[in-house]
């Protein structure tokens, strides 16, 4: 099942999903900023822009919100980044 930042609510889909279901969703910086238990087996960060600064307050806070997608990942999980983006490569250092 595919989910985006608009449309079906993840919480409703997750309640109906079984352990064998795969859920693919797009999460905004707003969504991942408040995660506590989300642990994606595979996370992808495609870009880092100076966006949503009215909400996040600064570029550093925006970047921190985006990178939180990895917060609960373990060594058996994966982070895929857009290697063409120098800003994303810098986060790997």
PDB file of N, CA and C in Angstrom:
ATOM      1  N   UNK A   1       0.843  -1.165   0.000  1.00  0.00           N
ATOM      2  CA  UNK A   1       0.000   0.000   0.000  1.00  0.00           C
ATOM      3  C   UNK A   1       0.893   1.235   0.000  1.00  0.00           C
ATOM      4  N   UNK A   2       0.553   2.200  -0.803  1.00  0.00           N
ATOM      5  CA  UNK A   2       1.309   3.439  -0.903  1.00  0.00           C
ATOM      6  C   UNK A   2       0.588   4.545  -0.158  1.00  0.00           C
ATOM      7  N   UNK A   3       1.338   5.280   0.634  1.00  0.00           N
ATOM      8  CA  UNK A   3       0.784   6.406   1.385  1.00  0.00           C
ATOM      9  C   UNK A   3       1.611   7.640   1.108  1.00  0.00           C
ATOM     10  N   UNK A   4       0.988   8.785   1.188  1.00  0.00           N
ATOM     11  CA  UNK A   4       1.699  10.041   0.981  1.00  0.00           C
ATOM     12  C   UNK A   4       1.432  10.997   2.106  1.00  0.00           C
ATOM     13  N   UNK A   5       1.875  12.228   1.922  1.00  0.00           N
ATOM     14  CA  UNK A   5       1.666  13.233   2.957  1.00  0.00           C
ATOM     15  C   UNK A   5       0.216  13.698   2.995  1.00  0.00           C
ATOM     16  N   UNK A   6      -0.531  13.388   1.942  1.00  0.00           N
ATOM     17  CA  UNK A   6      -1.966  13.669   1.899  1.00  0.00           C
ATOM     18  C   UNK A   6      -2.694  12.361   1.604  1.00  0.00           C
ATOM     19  N   UNK A   7      -3.900  12.237   2.057  1.00  0.00           N
ATOM     20  CA  UNK A   7      -4.659  11.038   1.720  1.00  0.00           C
ATOM     21  C   UNK A   7      -4.886  10.151   2.926  1.00  0.00           C
ATOM     22  N   UNK A   8      -4.716   8.852   2.740  1.00  0.00           N
ATOM     23  CA  UNK A   8      -4.962   7.887   3.808  1.00  0.00           C
ATOM     24  C   UNK A   8      -4.083   8.154   5.025  1.00  0.00           C
ATOM     25  N   UNK A   9      -4.654   7.994   6.192  1.00  0.00           N
ATOM     26  CA  UNK A   9      -3.884   8.166   7.418  1.00  0.00           C
ATOM     27  C   UNK A   9      -3.122   6.887   7.719  1.00  0.00           C
ATOM     28  N   UNK A  10      -1.832   7.017   7.981  1.00  0.00           N
ATOM     29  CA  UNK A  10      -0.993   5.864   8.261  1.00  0.00           C
ATOM     30  C   UNK A  10      -1.517   5.062   9.445  1.00  0.00           C
ATOM     31  N   UNK A  11      -1.988   5.738  10.474  1.00  0.00           N
ATOM     32  CA  UNK A  11      -2.449   5.023  11.664  1.00  0.00           C
ATOM     33  C   UNK A  11      -3.605   4.084  11.334  1.00  0.00           C
ATOM     34  N   UNK A  12      -4.482   4.490  10.426  1.00  0.00           N
ATOM     35  CA  UNK A  12      -5.596   3.625  10.032  1.00  0.00           C
ATOM     36  C   UNK A  12      -5.107   2.431   9.232  1.00  0.00           C
ATOM     37  N   UNK A  13      -4.157   2.666   8.348  1.00  0.00           N
ATOM     38  CA  UNK A  13      -3.615   1.586   7.529  1.00  0.00           C
ATOM     39  C   UNK A  13      -2.825   0.618   8.400  1.00  0.00           C
ATOM     40  N   UNK A  14      -2.035   1.137   9.312  1.00  0.00           N
ATOM     41  CA  UNK A  14      -1.207   0.288  10.174  1.00  0.00           C
ATOM     42  C   UNK A  14      -2.057  -0.632  11.046  1.00  0.00           C
ATOM     43  N   UNK A  15      -3.206  -0.166  11.470  1.00  0.00           N
ATOM     44  CA  UNK A  15      -4.091  -0.995  12.290  1.00  0.00           C
ATOM     45  C   UNK A  15      -4.633  -2.181  11.509  1.00  0.00           C
ATOM     46  N   UNK A  16      -4.738  -2.040  10.211  1.00  0.00           N
ATOM     47  CA  UNK A  16      -5.285  -3.105   9.380  1.00  0.00           C
ATOM     48  C   UNK A  16      -4.199  -3.967   8.726  1.00  0.00           C
ATOM     49  N   UNK A  17      -2.952  -3.551   8.809  1.00  0.00           N
ATOM     50  CA  UNK A  17      -1.862  -4.265   8.143  1.00  0.00           C
ATOM     51  C   UNK A  17      -1.465  -5.503   8.928  1.00  0.00           C
ATOM     52  N   UNK A  18      -1.022  -6.507   8.190  1.00  0.00           N
ATOM     53  CA  UNK A  18      -0.492  -7.707   8.830  1.00  0.00           C
ATOM     54  C   UNK A  18       1.030  -7.645   8.801  1.00  0.00           C
ATOM     55  N   UNK A  19       1.671  -8.557   9.477  1.00  0.00           N
ATOM     56  CA  UNK A  19       3.136  -8.571   9.538  1.00  0.00           C
ATOM     57  C   UNK A  19       3.762  -8.784   8.162  1.00  0.00           C
ATOM     58  N   UNK A  20       3.032  -9.396   7.247  1.00  0.00           N
ATOM     59  CA  UNK A  20       3.586  -9.658   5.913  1.00  0.00           C
ATOM     60  C   UNK A  20       3.327  -8.505   4.933  1.00  0.00           C
ATOM     61  N   UNK A  21       2.535  -7.515   5.328  1.00  0.00           N
ATOM     62  CA  UNK A  21       2.260  -6.375   4.454  1.00  0.00           C
ATOM     63  C   UNK A  21       3.462  -5.440   4.393  1.00  0.00           C
ATOM     64  N   UNK A  22       3.677  -4.881   3.226  1.00  0.00           N
ATOM     65  CA  UNK A  22       4.700  -3.861   3.050  1.00  0.00           C
ATOM     66  C   UNK A  22       3.992  -2.527   2.868  1.00  0.00           C
ATOM     67  N   UNK A  23       4.428  -1.545   3.630  1.00  0.00           N
ATOM     68  CA  UNK A  23       3.834  -0.212   3.543  1.00  0.00           C
ATOM     69  C   UNK A  23       4.911   0.749   3.079  1.00  0.00           C
ATOM     70  N   UNK A  24       4.611   1.469   2.015  1.00  0.00           N
ATOM     71  CA  UNK A  24       5.531   2.479   1.487  1.00  0.00           C
ATOM     72  C   UNK A  24       4.847   3.821   1.663  1.00  0.00           C
ATOM     73  N   UNK A  25       5.538   4.749   2.315  1.00  0.00           N
ATOM     74  CA  UNK A  25       4.914   6.035   2.553  1.00  0.00           C
ATOM     75  C   UNK A  25       5.915   7.171   2.396  1.00  0.00           C
ATOM     76  N   UNK A  26       5.383   8.327   2.043  1.00  0.00           N
ATOM     77  CA  UNK A  26       6.170   9.545   1.994  1.00  0.00           C
ATOM     78  C   UNK A  26       5.907  10.297   3.288  1.00  0.00           C
ATOM     79  N   UNK A  27       6.967  10.718   3.942  1.00  0.00           N
ATOM     80  CA  UNK A  27       6.836  11.485   5.175  1.00  0.00           C
ATOM     81  C   UNK A  27       7.496  12.839   4.999  1.00  0.00           C
ATOM     82  N   UNK A  28       6.826  13.862   5.439  1.00  0.00           N
ATOM     83  CA  UNK A  28       7.387  15.207   5.365  1.00  0.00           C
ATOM     84  C   UNK A  28       8.304  15.451   6.566  1.00  0.00           C
ATOM     85  N   UNK A  29       9.040  16.523   6.516  1.00  0.00           N
ATOM     86  CA  UNK A  29       9.882  16.892   7.662  1.00  0.00           C
ATOM     87  C   UNK A  29       9.024  17.144   8.889  1.00  0.00           C
ATOM     88  N   UNK A  30       7.780  17.574   8.674  1.00  0.00           N
ATOM     89  CA  UNK A  30       6.852  17.786   9.783  1.00  0.00           C
ATOM     90  C   UNK A  30       6.521  16.444  10.451  1.00  0.00           C
ATOM     91  N   UNK A  31       6.304  15.426   9.628  1.00  0.00           N
ATOM     92  CA  UNK A  31       5.926  14.109  10.138  1.00  0.00           C
ATOM     93  C   UNK A  31       7.043  13.450  10.932  1.00  0.00           C
ATOM     94  N   UNK A  32       8.250  13.472  10.412  1.00  0.00           N
ATOM     95  CA  UNK A  32       9.346  12.769  11.090  1.00  0.00           C
ATOM     96  C   UNK A  32       9.888  13.546  12.279  1.00  0.00           C
ATOM     97  N   UNK A  33       9.589  14.832  12.330  1.00  0.00           N
ATOM     98  CA  UNK A  33      10.068  15.647  13.452  1.00  0.00           C
ATOM     99  C   UNK A  33       9.509  15.163  14.787  1.00  0.00           C
ATOM    100  N   UNK A  34       8.342  14.551  14.765  1.00  0.00           N
ATOM    101  CA  UNK A  34       7.712  14.129  16.007  1.00  0.00           C
ATOM    102  C   UNK A  34       7.721  12.631  16.259  1.00  0.00           C
ATOM    103  N   UNK A  35       8.529  11.873  15.521  1.00  0.00           N
ATOM    104  CA  UNK A  35       8.487  10.421  15.692  1.00  0.00           C
ATOM    105  C   UNK A  35       9.055  10.007  17.045  1.00  0.00           C
ATOM    106  N   UNK A  36       8.511   8.927  17.566  1.00  0.00           N
ATOM    107  CA  UNK A  36       9.055   8.346  18.796  1.00  0.00           C
ATOM    108  C   UNK A  36       9.384   6.875  18.600  1.00  0.00           C
ATOM    109  N   UNK A  37       8.567   6.160  17.833  1.00  0.00           N
ATOM    110  CA  UNK A  37       8.762   4.722  17.695  1.00  0.00           C
ATOM    111  C   UNK A  37       8.943   4.248  16.257  1.00  0.00           C
ATOM    112  N   UNK A  38       8.714   5.110  15.292  1.00  0.00           N
ATOM    113  CA  UNK A  38       8.834   4.700  13.896  1.00  0.00           C
ATOM    114  C   UNK A  38      10.233   4.158  13.629  1.00  0.00           C
ATOM    115  N   UNK A  39      10.300   2.969  13.041  1.00  0.00           N
ATOM    116  CA  UNK A  39      11.578   2.359  12.691  1.00  0.00           C
ATOM    117  C   UNK A  39      11.467   1.761  11.297  1.00  0.00           C
ATOM    118  N   UNK A  40      11.720   2.575  10.270  1.00  0.00           N
ATOM    119  CA  UNK A  40      11.627   2.032   8.916  1.00  0.00           C
ATOM    120  C   UNK A  40      12.802   1.105   8.619  1.00  0.00           C
ATOM    121  N   UNK A  41      12.488  -0.029   8.029  1.00  0.00           N
ATOM    122  CA  UNK A  41      13.564  -0.949   7.627  1.00  0.00           C
ATOM    123  C   UNK A  41      14.418  -0.295   6.542  1.00  0.00           C
ATOM    124  N   UNK A  42      13.759   0.441   5.661  1.00  0.00           N
ATOM    125  CA  UNK A  42      14.456   1.183   4.610  1.00  0.00           C
ATOM    126  C   UNK A  42      13.936   2.614   4.631  1.00  0.00           C
ATOM    127  N   UNK A  43      14.831   3.567   4.794  1.00  0.00           N
ATOM    128  CA  UNK A  43      14.473   4.989   4.751  1.00  0.00           C
ATOM    129  C   UNK A  43      15.233   5.633   3.593  1.00  0.00           C
ATOM    130  N   UNK A  44      14.589   6.571   2.955  1.00  0.00           N
ATOM    131  CA  UNK A  44      15.208   7.276   1.828  1.00  0.00           C
ATOM    132  C   UNK A  44      15.081   8.775   2.070  1.00  0.00           C
ATOM    133  N   UNK A  45      16.195   9.477   1.942  1.00  0.00           N
ATOM    134  CA  UNK A  45      16.174  10.943   1.985  1.00  0.00           C
ATOM    135  C   UNK A  45      16.633  11.412   0.613  1.00  0.00           C
ATOM    136  N   UNK A  46      15.735  12.080  -0.094  1.00  0.00           N
ATOM    137  CA  UNK A  46      16.038  12.476  -1.471  1.00  0.00           C
ATOM    138  C   UNK A  46      16.648  13.861  -1.587  1.00  0.00           C
ATOM    139  N   UNK A  47      16.355  14.730  -0.618  1.00  0.00           N
ATOM    140  CA  UNK A  47      16.866  16.097  -0.737  1.00  0.00           C
ATOM    141  C   UNK A  47      16.915  16.781   0.619  1.00  0.00           C
ATOM    142  N   UNK A  48      17.733  17.804   0.676  1.00  0.00           N
ATOM    143  CA  UNK A  48      17.799  18.719   1.816  1.00  0.00           C
ATOM    144  C   UNK A  48      17.799  20.127   1.224  1.00  0.00           C
ATOM    145  N   UNK A  49      16.746  20.858   1.509  1.00  0.00           N
ATOM    146  CA  UNK A  49      16.630  22.242   1.077  1.00  0.00           C
ATOM    147  C   UNK A  49      16.447  23.113   2.311  1.00  0.00           C
ATOM    148  N   UNK A  50      16.601  24.382   2.143  1.00  0.00           N
ATOM    149  CA  UNK A  50      16.243  25.309   3.217  1.00  0.00           C
ATOM    150  C   UNK A  50      14.750  25.584   3.090  1.00  0.00           C
ATOM    151  N   UNK A  51      13.956  24.627   3.527  1.00  0.00           N
ATOM    152  CA  UNK A  51      12.512  24.693   3.355  1.00  0.00           C
ATOM    153  C   UNK A  51      11.815  24.674   4.706  1.00  0.00           C
ATOM    154  N   UNK A  52      10.601  25.158   4.718  1.00  0.00           N
ATOM    155  CA  UNK A  52       9.759  25.125   5.915  1.00  0.00           C
ATOM    156  C   UNK A  52      10.424  25.788   7.126  1.00  0.00           C
ATOM    157  N   UNK A  53      11.231  26.804   6.863  1.00  0.00           N
ATOM    158  CA  UNK A  53      11.932  27.468   7.962  1.00  0.00           C
ATOM    159  C   UNK A  53      10.963  28.218   8.869  1.00  0.00           C
ATOM    160  N   UNK A  54       9.791  28.575   8.339  1.00  0.00           N
ATOM    161  CA  UNK A  54       8.783  29.217   9.180  1.00  0.00           C
ATOM    162  C   UNK A  54       8.309  28.260  10.275  1.00  0.00           C
ATOM    163  N   UNK A  55       8.322  26.967   9.990  1.00  0.00           N
ATOM    164  CA  UNK A  55       7.910  25.956  10.970  1.00  0.00           C
ATOM    165  C   UNK A  55       9.088  25.503  11.831  1.00  0.00           C
ATOM    166  N   UNK A  56      10.200  25.163  11.186  1.00  0.00           N
ATOM    167  CA  UNK A  56      11.345  24.586  11.890  1.00  0.00           C
ATOM    168  C   UNK A  56      12.218  25.627  12.587  1.00  0.00           C
ATOM    169  N   UNK A  57      12.167  26.855  12.139  1.00  0.00           N
ATOM    170  CA  UNK A  57      12.917  27.916  12.801  1.00  0.00           C
ATOM    171  C   UNK A  57      14.281  28.199  12.214  1.00  0.00           C
ATOM    172  N   UNK A  58      14.972  27.161  11.744  1.00  0.00           N
ATOM    173  CA  UNK A  58      16.299  27.352  11.138  1.00  0.00           C
ATOM    174  C   UNK A  58      16.590  26.175  10.218  1.00  0.00           C
ATOM    175  N   UNK A  59      17.587  26.353   9.359  1.00  0.00           N
ATOM    176  CA  UNK A  59      17.974  25.265   8.460  1.00  0.00           C
ATOM    177  C   UNK A  59      18.479  24.072   9.266  1.00  0.00           C
ATOM    178  N   UNK A  60      19.245  24.325  10.316  1.00  0.00           N
ATOM    179  CA  UNK A  60      19.755  23.230  11.147  1.00  0.00           C
ATOM    180  C   UNK A  60      18.624  22.406  11.747  1.00  0.00           C
ATOM    181  N   UNK A  61      17.564  23.070  12.205  1.00  0.00           N
ATOM    182  CA  UNK A  61      16.421  22.353  12.772  1.00  0.00           C
ATOM    183  C   UNK A  61      15.676  21.553  11.692  1.00  0.00           C
ATOM    184  N   UNK A  62      15.608  22.114  10.493  1.00  0.00           N
ATOM    185  CA  UNK A  62      14.993  21.410   9.367  1.00  0.00           C
ATOM    186  C   UNK A  62      15.782  20.140   9.045  1.00  0.00           C
ATOM    187  N   UNK A  63      17.089  20.259   8.948  1.00  0.00           N
ATOM    188  CA  UNK A  63      17.949  19.100   8.669  1.00  0.00           C
ATOM    189  C   UNK A  63      17.809  18.070   9.791  1.00  0.00           C
ATOM    190  N   UNK A  64      17.800  18.535  11.024  1.00  0.00           N
ATOM    191  CA  UNK A  64      17.631  17.628  12.168  1.00  0.00           C
ATOM    192  C   UNK A  64      16.303  16.871  12.059  1.00  0.00           C
ATOM    193  N   UNK A  65      15.247  17.550  11.662  1.00  0.00           N
ATOM    194  CA  UNK A  65      13.944  16.896  11.502  1.00  0.00           C
ATOM    195  C   UNK A  65      14.005  15.830  10.411  1.00  0.00           C
ATOM    196  N   UNK A  66      14.646  16.129   9.290  1.00  0.00           N
ATOM    197  CA  UNK A  66      14.729  15.168   8.185  1.00  0.00           C
ATOM    198  C   UNK A  66      15.524  13.926   8.594  1.00  0.00           C
ATOM    199  N   UNK A  67      16.629  14.115   9.294  1.00  0.00           N
ATOM    200  CA  UNK A  67      17.507  12.997   9.639  1.00  0.00           C
ATOM    201  C   UNK A  67      16.911  12.128  10.756  1.00  0.00           C
ATOM    202  N   UNK A  68      15.882  12.632  11.431  1.00  0.00           N
ATOM    203  CA  UNK A  68      15.234  11.843  12.487  1.00  0.00           C
ATOM    204  C   UNK A  68      14.605  10.562  11.965  1.00  0.00           C
ATOM    205  N   UNK A  69      14.402  10.459  10.666  1.00  0.00           N
ATOM    206  CA  UNK A  69      13.862   9.229  10.083  1.00  0.00           C
ATOM    207  C   UNK A  69      14.748   8.031  10.438  1.00  0.00           C
ATOM    208  N   UNK A  70      16.016   8.296  10.737  1.00  0.00           N
ATOM    209  CA  UNK A  70      16.969   7.223  11.042  1.00  0.00           C
ATOM    210  C   UNK A  70      17.082   6.945  12.547  1.00  0.00           C
ATOM    211  N   UNK A  71      16.409   7.727  13.347  1.00  0.00           N
ATOM    212  CA  UNK A  71      16.591   7.702  14.799  1.00  0.00           C
ATOM    213  C   UNK A  71      16.460   6.320  15.434  1.00  0.00           C
ATOM    214  N   UNK A  72      15.525   5.523  14.990  1.00  0.00           N
ATOM    215  CA  UNK A  72      15.298   4.217  15.598  1.00  0.00           C
ATOM    216  C   UNK A  72      15.809   3.061  14.753  1.00  0.00           C
ATOM    217  N   UNK A  73      16.510   3.377  13.683  1.00  0.00           N
ATOM    218  CA  UNK A  73      17.028   2.311  12.836  1.00  0.00           C
ATOM    219  C   UNK A  73      18.175   1.586  13.528  1.00  0.00           C
ATOM    220  N   UNK A  74      18.312   0.308  13.199  1.00  0.00           N
ATOM    221  CA  UNK A  74      19.401  -0.496  13.748  1.00  0.00           C
ATOM    222  C   UNK A  74      20.382  -0.836  12.629  1.00  0.00           C
ATOM    223  N   UNK A  75      21.387  -1.590  12.954  1.00  0.00           N
ATOM    224  CA  UNK A  75      22.399  -1.977  11.972  1.00  0.00           C
ATOM    225  C   UNK A  75      21.811  -2.838  10.854  1.00  0.00           C
ATOM    226  N   UNK A  76      20.659  -3.448  11.081  1.00  0.00           N
ATOM    227  CA  UNK A  76      20.040  -4.281  10.046  1.00  0.00           C
ATOM    228  C   UNK A  76      19.095  -3.481   9.136  1.00  0.00           C
ATOM    229  N   UNK A  77      18.964  -2.179   9.379  1.00  0.00           N
ATOM    230  CA  UNK A  77      18.116  -1.317   8.559  1.00  0.00           C
ATOM    231  C   UNK A  77      18.979  -0.544   7.563  1.00  0.00           C
ATOM    232  N   UNK A  78      18.319   0.136   6.642  1.00  0.00           N
ATOM    233  CA  UNK A  78      19.032   0.818   5.568  1.00  0.00           C
ATOM    234  C   UNK A  78      18.604   2.274   5.442  1.00  0.00           C
ATOM    235  N   UNK A  79      19.581   3.131   5.160  1.00  0.00           N
ATOM    236  CA  UNK A  79      19.320   4.518   4.782  1.00  0.00           C
ATOM    237  C   UNK A  79      19.859   4.699   3.373  1.00  0.00           C
ATOM    238  N   UNK A  80      19.008   5.146   2.483  1.00  0.00           N
ATOM    239  CA  UNK A  80      19.395   5.436   1.104  1.00  0.00           C
ATOM    240  C   UNK A  80      19.319   6.943   0.937  1.00  0.00           C
ATOM    241  N   UNK A  81      20.395   7.526   0.419  1.00  0.00           N
ATOM    242  CA  UNK A  81      20.397   8.967   0.186  1.00  0.00           C
ATOM    243  C   UNK A  81      20.691   9.249  -1.281  1.00  0.00           C
ATOM    244  N   UNK A  82      20.306  10.422  -1.714  1.00  0.00           N
ATOM    245  CA  UNK A  82      20.594  10.896  -3.058  1.00  0.00           C
ATOM    246  C   UNK A  82      22.062  11.332  -3.084  1.00  0.00           C
ATOM    247  N   UNK A  83      22.932  10.469  -3.581  1.00  0.00           N
ATOM    248  CA  UNK A  83      24.376  10.709  -3.527  1.00  0.00           C
ATOM    249  C   UNK A  83      24.791  11.888  -4.402  1.00  0.00           C
ATOM    250  N   UNK A  84      23.965  12.289  -5.328  1.00  0.00           N
ATOM    251  CA  UNK A  84      24.275  13.451  -6.163  1.00  0.00           C
ATOM    252  C   UNK A  84      24.234  14.730  -5.327  1.00  0.00           C
ATOM    253  N   UNK A  85      23.448  14.735  -4.274  1.00  0.00           N
ATOM    254  CA  UNK A  85      23.303  15.914  -3.417  1.00  0.00           C
ATOM    255  C   UNK A  85      24.490  16.042  -2.469  1.00  0.00           C
ATOM    256  N   UNK A  86      25.279  17.084  -2.653  1.00  0.00           N
ATOM    257  CA  UNK A  86      26.425  17.313  -1.766  1.00  0.00           C
ATOM    258  C   UNK A  86      25.977  17.526  -0.320  1.00  0.00           C
ATOM    259  N   UNK A  87      24.818  18.157  -0.133  1.00  0.00           N
ATOM    260  CA  UNK A  87      24.312  18.401   1.212  1.00  0.00           C
ATOM    261  C   UNK A  87      24.038  17.087   1.931  1.00  0.00           C
ATOM    262  N   UNK A  88      23.508  16.104   1.218  1.00  0.00           N
ATOM    263  CA  UNK A  88      23.250  14.808   1.833  1.00  0.00           C
ATOM    264  C   UNK A  88      24.540  14.043   2.097  1.00  0.00           C
ATOM    265  N   UNK A  89      25.487  14.151   1.200  1.00  0.00           N
ATOM    266  CA  UNK A  89      26.784  13.494   1.438  1.00  0.00           C
ATOM    267  C   UNK A  89      27.457  14.058   2.676  1.00  0.00           C
ATOM    268  N   UNK A  90      27.321  15.355   2.899  1.00  0.00           N
ATOM    269  CA  UNK A  90      27.905  15.978   4.094  1.00  0.00           C
ATOM    270  C   UNK A  90      27.330  15.406   5.372  1.00  0.00           C
ATOM    271  N   UNK A  91      26.080  14.994   5.354  1.00  0.00           N
ATOM    272  CA  UNK A  91      25.453  14.410   6.555  1.00  0.00           C
ATOM    273  C   UNK A  91      26.057  13.059   6.904  1.00  0.00           C
ATOM    274  N   UNK A  92      26.694  12.404   5.966  1.00  0.00           N
ATOM    275  CA  UNK A  92      27.276  11.088   6.194  1.00  0.00           C
ATOM    276  C   UNK A  92      28.623  11.163   6.907  1.00  0.00           C
ATOM    277  N   UNK A  93      29.180  12.349   7.029  1.00  0.00           N
ATOM    278  CA  UNK A  93      30.505  12.510   7.660  1.00  0.00           C
ATOM    279  C   UNK A  93      30.419  12.487   9.147  1.00  0.00           C
TER     280      UNK A  93
END
